[in-house]
Amino acid sequence: MSDFSLSAAAATVRVLFEDAQSILAQVELALSNDTTLASTAGDGDNNNNNTHPQQLSTLRARLQLFSHHTKQATQIILDAPVIHPQFAQVLQSGLEECQSAVNVVTGGVGSAVKTGEGAAAGAVAAKRDVLDRYTALFGSYVRFFSLSIQLLIMETEKEQETMLADAGVTNIVNDARQAAERVLSLSR
């Protein structure tokens, strides 16, 4: 792939890391607000948002892992001894899809993490679905970056080619693509 650049890929991953940190800060703020609201509301909270803190905690955990993997991948990409053309294509398209989906998350996370007093059941269910999609996106891309790191530290293109032929690798790439598509569909 002639237009693939390791430095451009590393720069994209660095932006993904920074975006994840920003999203993580919003999720942590929402979690601290939920904790404050729960402690002042007592047991009378029946607005059907009781899974909200649990969903936010799961999203926070995925974001932390995503941040860890993107931070690690940034330098590993720059230090890669070789890159098979097929892997370059997989990495480039995966990064583009991830960046597009993370842009959607960045734009929508503020409203998705707010519970709102007395929110209608339909609105609560919609927010749960959005948070589930965000969580699935970051979980899928944790696996994608973990796989990419494994491939990037390989010494030969032949090793990369052999690993790329594995059905498990195809599943990881497809899962990431599908998770990105589910998030992207929120913006249409």
C-alpha atoms as a PDB file:
ATOM      1  CA  MET A   1       0.000   0.000   0.000  1.00  0.00           C
ATOM      2  CA  SER A   2       1.860   3.007  -1.268  1.00  0.00           C
ATOM      3  CA  ASP A   3      -0.070   5.681   0.652  1.00  0.00           C
ATOM      4  CA  PHE A   4       0.307   3.996   4.064  1.00  0.00           C
ATOM      5  CA  SER A   5       2.542   5.867   6.475  1.00  0.00           C
ATOM      6  CA  LEU A   6       3.646   4.559   9.858  1.00  0.00           C
ATOM      7  CA  SER A   7       4.046   8.110  11.153  1.00  0.00           C
ATOM      8  CA  ALA A   8       0.525   9.049  10.006  1.00  0.00           C
ATOM      9  CA  ALA A   9      -0.852   5.877  11.615  1.00  0.00           C
ATOM     10  CA  ALA A  10       0.957   6.700  14.868  1.00  0.00           C
ATOM     11  CA  ALA A  11      -0.427  10.249  14.767  1.00  0.00           C
ATOM     12  CA  THR A  12      -3.966   8.906  14.311  1.00  0.00           C
ATOM     13  CA  VAL A  13      -3.514   6.535  17.238  1.00  0.00           C
ATOM     14  CA  ARG A  14      -2.221   9.431  19.356  1.00  0.00           C
ATOM     15  CA  VAL A  15      -5.363  11.430  18.531  1.00  0.00           C
ATOM     16  CA  LEU A  16      -7.484   8.392  19.458  1.00  0.00           C
ATOM     17  CA  PHE A  17      -5.675   8.254  22.812  1.00  0.00           C
ATOM     18  CA  GLU A  18      -6.341  11.951  23.442  1.00  0.00           C
ATOM     19  CA  ASP A  19     -10.001  11.612  22.439  1.00  0.00           C
ATOM     20  CA  ALA A  20     -10.382   8.621  24.756  1.00  0.00           C
ATOM     21  CA  GLN A  21      -8.931  10.645  27.626  1.00  0.00           C
ATOM     22  CA  SER A  22     -11.476  13.399  26.979  1.00  0.00           C
ATOM     23  CA  ILE A  23     -14.366  10.928  26.818  1.00  0.00           C
ATOM     24  CA  LEU A  24     -13.090   9.190  29.953  1.00  0.00           C
ATOM     25  CA  ALA A  25     -13.117  12.500  31.847  1.00  0.00           C
ATOM     26  CA  GLN A  26     -16.787  13.013  30.914  1.00  0.00           C
ATOM     27  CA  VAL A  27     -17.692   9.478  31.979  1.00  0.00           C
ATOM     28  CA  GLU A  28     -15.876   9.883  35.294  1.00  0.00           C
ATOM     29  CA  LEU A  29     -17.650  13.188  35.918  1.00  0.00           C
ATOM     30  CA  ALA A  30     -21.003  11.537  35.205  1.00  0.00           C
ATOM     31  CA  LEU A  31     -20.114   8.687  37.559  1.00  0.00           C
ATOM     32  CA  SER A  32     -19.209  11.103  40.340  1.00  0.00           C
ATOM     33  CA  ASN A  33     -22.482  12.984  39.745  1.00  0.00           C
ATOM     34  CA  ASP A  34     -24.450   9.708  39.822  1.00  0.00           C
ATOM     35  CA  THR A  35     -22.769   8.795  43.105  1.00  0.00           C
ATOM     36  CA  THR A  36     -23.623  12.207  44.557  1.00  0.00           C
ATOM     37  CA  LEU A  37     -27.223  11.988  43.343  1.00  0.00           C
ATOM     38  CA  ALA A  38     -27.607   8.443  44.661  1.00  0.00           C
ATOM     39  CA  SER A  39     -26.326   9.419  48.102  1.00  0.00           C
ATOM     40  CA  THR A  40     -28.747  12.378  48.321  1.00  0.00           C
ATOM     41  CA  ALA A  41     -31.737  10.605  46.725  1.00  0.00           C
ATOM     42  CA  GLY A  42     -31.746   7.622  49.062  1.00  0.00           C
ATOM     43  CA  ASP A  43     -33.744   4.528  48.199  1.00  0.00           C
ATOM     44  CA  GLY A  44     -36.586   6.424  46.552  1.00  0.00           C
ATOM     45  CA  ASP A  45     -34.946   6.460  43.128  1.00  0.00           C
ATOM     46  CA  ASN A  46     -37.448   4.804  40.835  1.00  0.00           C
ATOM     47  CA  ASN A  47     -36.698   6.594  37.565  1.00  0.00           C
ATOM     48  CA  ASN A  48     -35.466   3.286  36.133  1.00  0.00           C
ATOM     49  CA  ASN A  49     -31.870   4.478  35.783  1.00  0.00           C
ATOM     50  CA  ASN A  50     -30.370   1.994  38.242  1.00  0.00           C
ATOM     51  CA  THR A  51     -28.204   0.373  35.561  1.00  0.00           C
ATOM     52  CA  HIS A  52     -26.755   3.722  34.489  1.00  0.00           C
ATOM     53  CA  PRO A  53     -23.824   3.753  36.968  1.00  0.00           C
ATOM     54  CA  GLN A  54     -23.061   0.126  36.115  1.00  0.00           C
ATOM     55  CA  GLN A  55     -23.043   0.911  32.384  1.00  0.00           C
ATOM     56  CA  LEU A  56     -20.841   3.947  32.955  1.00  0.00           C
ATOM     57  CA  SER A  57     -18.436   1.874  35.049  1.00  0.00           C
ATOM     58  CA  THR A  58     -18.183  -0.700  32.277  1.00  0.00           C
ATOM     59  CA  LEU A  59     -17.649   2.042  29.696  1.00  0.00           C
ATOM     60  CA  ARG A  60     -14.981   3.606  31.917  1.00  0.00           C
ATOM     61  CA  ALA A  61     -13.158   0.261  32.167  1.00  0.00           C
ATOM     62  CA  ARG A  62     -13.209  -0.177  28.378  1.00  0.00           C
ATOM     63  CA  LEU A  63     -11.989   3.390  27.870  1.00  0.00           C
ATOM     64  CA  GLN A  64      -9.131   2.831  30.304  1.00  0.00           C
ATOM     65  CA  LEU A  65      -8.065  -0.303  28.413  1.00  0.00           C
ATOM     66  CA  PHE A  66      -8.479   1.470  25.084  1.00  0.00           C
ATOM     67  CA  SER A  67      -6.326   4.349  26.334  1.00  0.00           C
ATOM     68  CA  HIS A  68      -3.658   1.944  27.533  1.00  0.00           C
ATOM     69  CA  HIS A  69      -3.539   0.102  24.210  1.00  0.00           C
ATOM     70  CA  THR A  70      -3.536   3.244  22.069  1.00  0.00           C
ATOM     71  CA  LYS A  71      -0.775   4.805  24.141  1.00  0.00           C
ATOM     72  CA  GLN A  72       1.285   1.630  23.781  1.00  0.00           C
ATOM     73  CA  ALA A  73       0.520   1.276  20.065  1.00  0.00           C
ATOM     74  CA  THR A  74       1.636   4.811  19.234  1.00  0.00           C
ATOM     75  CA  GLN A  75       5.305   4.057  19.847  1.00  0.00           C
ATOM     76  CA  ILE A  76       5.154   0.449  18.656  1.00  0.00           C
ATOM     77  CA  ILE A  77       3.850   1.610  15.276  1.00  0.00           C
ATOM     78  CA  LEU A  78       6.819   3.936  14.879  1.00  0.00           C
ATOM     79  CA  ASP A  79       9.249   1.168  15.877  1.00  0.00           C
ATOM     80  CA  ALA A  80       7.724  -1.555  13.668  1.00  0.00           C
ATOM     81  CA  PRO A  81      10.509  -3.491  11.938  1.00  0.00           C
ATOM     82  CA  VAL A  82       8.287  -4.433   8.966  1.00  0.00           C
ATOM     83  CA  ILE A  83       4.690  -4.167   7.850  1.00  0.00           C
ATOM     84  CA  HIS A  84       3.061  -6.560   5.431  1.00  0.00           C
ATOM     85  CA  PRO A  85       1.019  -4.712   2.748  1.00  0.00           C
ATOM     86  CA  GLN A  86      -2.126  -6.622   3.731  1.00  0.00           C
ATOM     87  CA  PHE A  87      -1.659  -5.631   7.367  1.00  0.00           C
ATOM     88  CA  ALA A  88      -1.000  -2.021   6.363  1.00  0.00           C
ATOM     89  CA  GLN A  89      -4.380  -2.022   4.631  1.00  0.00           C
ATOM     90  CA  VAL A  90      -6.130  -3.622   7.629  1.00  0.00           C
ATOM     91  CA  LEU A  91      -4.486  -1.181  10.031  1.00  0.00           C
ATOM     92  CA  GLN A  92      -5.244   1.888   7.935  1.00  0.00           C
ATOM     93  CA  SER A  93      -8.907   1.034   7.382  1.00  0.00           C
ATOM     94  CA  GLY A  94      -9.302   0.017  11.035  1.00  0.00           C
ATOM     95  CA  LEU A  95      -7.845   3.311  12.212  1.00  0.00           C
ATOM     96  CA  GLU A  96     -10.059   5.315   9.849  1.00  0.00           C
ATOM     97  CA  GLU A  97     -13.189   3.469  10.999  1.00  0.00           C
ATOM     98  CA  CYS A  98     -12.206   3.833  14.643  1.00  0.00           C
ATOM     99  CA  GLN A  99     -11.503   7.557  14.282  1.00  0.00           C
ATOM    100  CA  SER A 100     -14.873   8.148  12.606  1.00  0.00           C
ATOM    101  CA  ALA A 101     -16.714   6.231  15.328  1.00  0.00           C
ATOM    102  CA  VAL A 102     -14.786   7.935  18.142  1.00  0.00           C
ATOM    103  CA  ASN A 103     -15.750  11.289  16.609  1.00  0.00           C
ATOM    104  CA  VAL A 104     -19.405  10.249  16.962  1.00  0.00           C
ATOM    105  CA  VAL A 105     -18.802   9.219  20.585  1.00  0.00           C
ATOM    106  CA  THR A 106     -17.033  12.504  21.310  1.00  0.00           C
ATOM    107  CA  GLY A 107     -20.018  14.423  19.972  1.00  0.00           C
ATOM    108  CA  GLY A 108     -22.644  12.352  21.762  1.00  0.00           C
ATOM    109  CA  VAL A 109     -21.152  11.219  25.032  1.00  0.00           C
ATOM    110  CA  GLY A 110     -22.240  14.322  26.941  1.00  0.00           C
ATOM    111  CA  SER A 111     -25.943  13.661  26.471  1.00  0.00           C
ATOM    112  CA  ALA A 112     -25.615   9.878  26.665  1.00  0.00           C
ATOM    113  CA  VAL A 113     -24.082   9.901  30.143  1.00  0.00           C
ATOM    114  CA  LYS A 114     -26.727  12.190  31.682  1.00  0.00           C
ATOM    115  CA  THR A 115     -29.575  10.382  33.398  1.00  0.00           C
ATOM    116  CA  GLY A 116     -32.009  13.242  33.850  1.00  0.00           C
ATOM    117  CA  GLU A 117     -34.605  13.262  36.586  1.00  0.00           C
ATOM    118  CA  GLY A 118     -37.837  11.582  35.623  1.00  0.00           C
ATOM    119  CA  ALA A 119     -36.662  10.652  32.139  1.00  0.00           C
ATOM    120  CA  ALA A 120     -39.190   8.687  30.124  1.00  0.00           C
ATOM    121  CA  ALA A 121     -38.574   4.958  29.883  1.00  0.00           C
ATOM    122  CA  GLY A 122     -38.017   5.241  26.115  1.00  0.00           C
ATOM    123  CA  ALA A 123     -35.330   7.886  26.576  1.00  0.00           C
ATOM    124  CA  VAL A 124     -33.618   5.808  29.250  1.00  0.00           C
ATOM    125  CA  ALA A 125     -33.667   2.734  26.988  1.00  0.00           C
ATOM    126  CA  ALA A 126     -32.244   4.764  24.096  1.00  0.00           C
ATOM    127  CA  LYS A 127     -29.391   6.033  26.279  1.00  0.00           C
ATOM    128  CA  ARG A 128     -28.681   2.493  27.444  1.00  0.00           C
ATOM    129  CA  ASP A 129     -28.459   1.356  23.825  1.00  0.00           C
ATOM    130  CA  VAL A 130     -26.082   4.204  22.978  1.00  0.00           C
ATOM    131  CA  LEU A 131     -23.865   3.433  25.980  1.00  0.00           C
ATOM    132  CA  ASP A 132     -23.866  -0.257  25.016  1.00  0.00           C
ATOM    133  CA  ARG A 133     -22.707   0.667  21.505  1.00  0.00           C
ATOM    134  CA  TYR A 134     -19.949   2.894  22.884  1.00  0.00           C
ATOM    135  CA  THR A 135     -18.801   0.155  25.251  1.00  0.00           C
ATOM    136  CA  ALA A 136     -18.784  -2.436  22.462  1.00  0.00           C
ATOM    137  CA  LEU A 137     -16.780  -0.076  20.240  1.00  0.00           C
ATOM    138  CA  PHE A 138     -14.022   0.439  22.773  1.00  0.00           C
ATOM    139  CA  GLY A 139     -13.978  -3.253  23.730  1.00  0.00           C
ATOM    140  CA  SER A 140     -13.672  -4.310  20.094  1.00  0.00           C
ATOM    141  CA  TYR A 141     -10.905  -1.828  19.430  1.00  0.00           C
ATOM    142  CA  VAL A 142      -9.007  -2.962  22.534  1.00  0.00           C
ATOM    143  CA  ARG A 143      -8.843  -6.370  20.847  1.00  0.00           C
ATOM    144  CA  PHE A 144      -7.974  -4.745  17.499  1.00  0.00           C
ATOM    145  CA  PHE A 145      -5.086  -2.777  19.017  1.00  0.00           C
ATOM    146  CA  SER A 146      -3.888  -5.783  21.003  1.00  0.00           C
ATOM    147  CA  LEU A 147      -3.787  -7.769  17.767  1.00  0.00           C
ATOM    148  CA  SER A 148      -2.101  -4.906  15.920  1.00  0.00           C
ATOM    149  CA  ILE A 149       0.586  -4.670  18.590  1.00  0.00           C
ATOM    150  CA  GLN A 150       1.266  -8.408  18.242  1.00  0.00           C
ATOM    151  CA  LEU A 151       1.600  -8.017  14.488  1.00  0.00           C
ATOM    152  CA  LEU A 152       3.725  -4.874  14.693  1.00  0.00           C
ATOM    153  CA  ILE A 153       6.411  -6.473  16.838  1.00  0.00           C
ATOM    154  CA  MET A 154       6.888  -9.367  14.435  1.00  0.00           C
ATOM    155  CA  GLU A 155      10.244  -9.379  12.682  1.00  0.00           C
ATOM    156  CA  THR A 156       9.140 -10.558   9.225  1.00  0.00           C
ATOM    157  CA  GLU A 157       6.309  -9.950   6.799  1.00  0.00           C
ATOM    158  CA  LYS A 158       5.943 -13.737   6.517  1.00  0.00           C
ATOM    159  CA  GLU A 159       5.109 -13.966  10.236  1.00  0.00           C
ATOM    160  CA  GLN A 160       2.533 -11.214   9.812  1.00  0.00           C
ATOM    161  CA  GLU A 161       1.072 -12.891   6.736  1.00  0.00           C
ATOM    162  CA  THR A 162       0.712 -16.199   8.586  1.00  0.00           C
ATOM    163  CA  MET A 163      -1.039 -14.556  11.520  1.00  0.00           C
ATOM    164  CA  LEU A 164      -3.312 -12.519   9.239  1.00  0.00           C
ATOM    165  CA  ALA A 165      -4.538 -15.764   7.649  1.00  0.00           C
ATOM    166  CA  ASP A 166      -5.913 -16.955  10.997  1.00  0.00           C
ATOM    167  CA  ALA A 167      -9.718 -16.931  11.280  1.00  0.00           C
ATOM    168  CA  GLY A 168      -9.482 -15.426  14.770  1.00  0.00           C
ATOM    169  CA  VAL A 169      -7.713 -12.394  13.339  1.00  0.00           C
ATOM    170  CA  THR A 170     -10.434 -11.968  10.735  1.00  0.00           C
ATOM    171  CA  ASN A 171     -13.061 -12.156  13.490  1.00  0.00           C
ATOM    172  CA  ILE A 172     -11.324  -9.448  15.548  1.00  0.00           C
ATOM    173  CA  VAL A 173     -11.078  -7.140  12.539  1.00  0.00           C
ATOM    174  CA  ASN A 174     -14.706  -7.783  11.549  1.00  0.00           C
ATOM    175  CA  ASP A 175     -15.952  -7.277  15.125  1.00  0.00           C
ATOM    176  CA  ALA A 176     -14.182  -3.907  15.289  1.00  0.00           C
ATOM    177  CA  ARG A 177     -15.618  -2.904  11.917  1.00  0.00           C
ATOM    178  CA  GLN A 178     -19.151  -3.885  12.991  1.00  0.00           C
ATOM    179  CA  ALA A 179     -18.840  -2.071  16.327  1.00  0.00           C
ATOM    180  CA  ALA A 180     -17.699   1.065  14.499  1.00  0.00           C
ATOM    181  CA  GLU A 181     -20.609   0.762  12.072  1.00  0.00           C
ATOM    182  CA  ARG A 182     -23.104   0.467  14.961  1.00  0.00           C
ATOM    183  CA  VAL A 183     -21.765   3.700  16.456  1.00  0.00           C
ATOM    184  CA  LEU A 184     -21.620   5.447  13.078  1.00  0.00           C
ATOM    185  CA  SER A 185     -25.283   4.557  12.492  1.00  0.00           C
ATOM    186  CA  LEU A 186     -26.147   6.803  15.456  1.00  0.00           C
ATOM    187  CA  SER A 187     -25.081   9.840  13.440  1.00  0.00           C
ATOM    188  CA  ARG A 188     -27.283   9.117  10.434  1.00  0.00           C
END
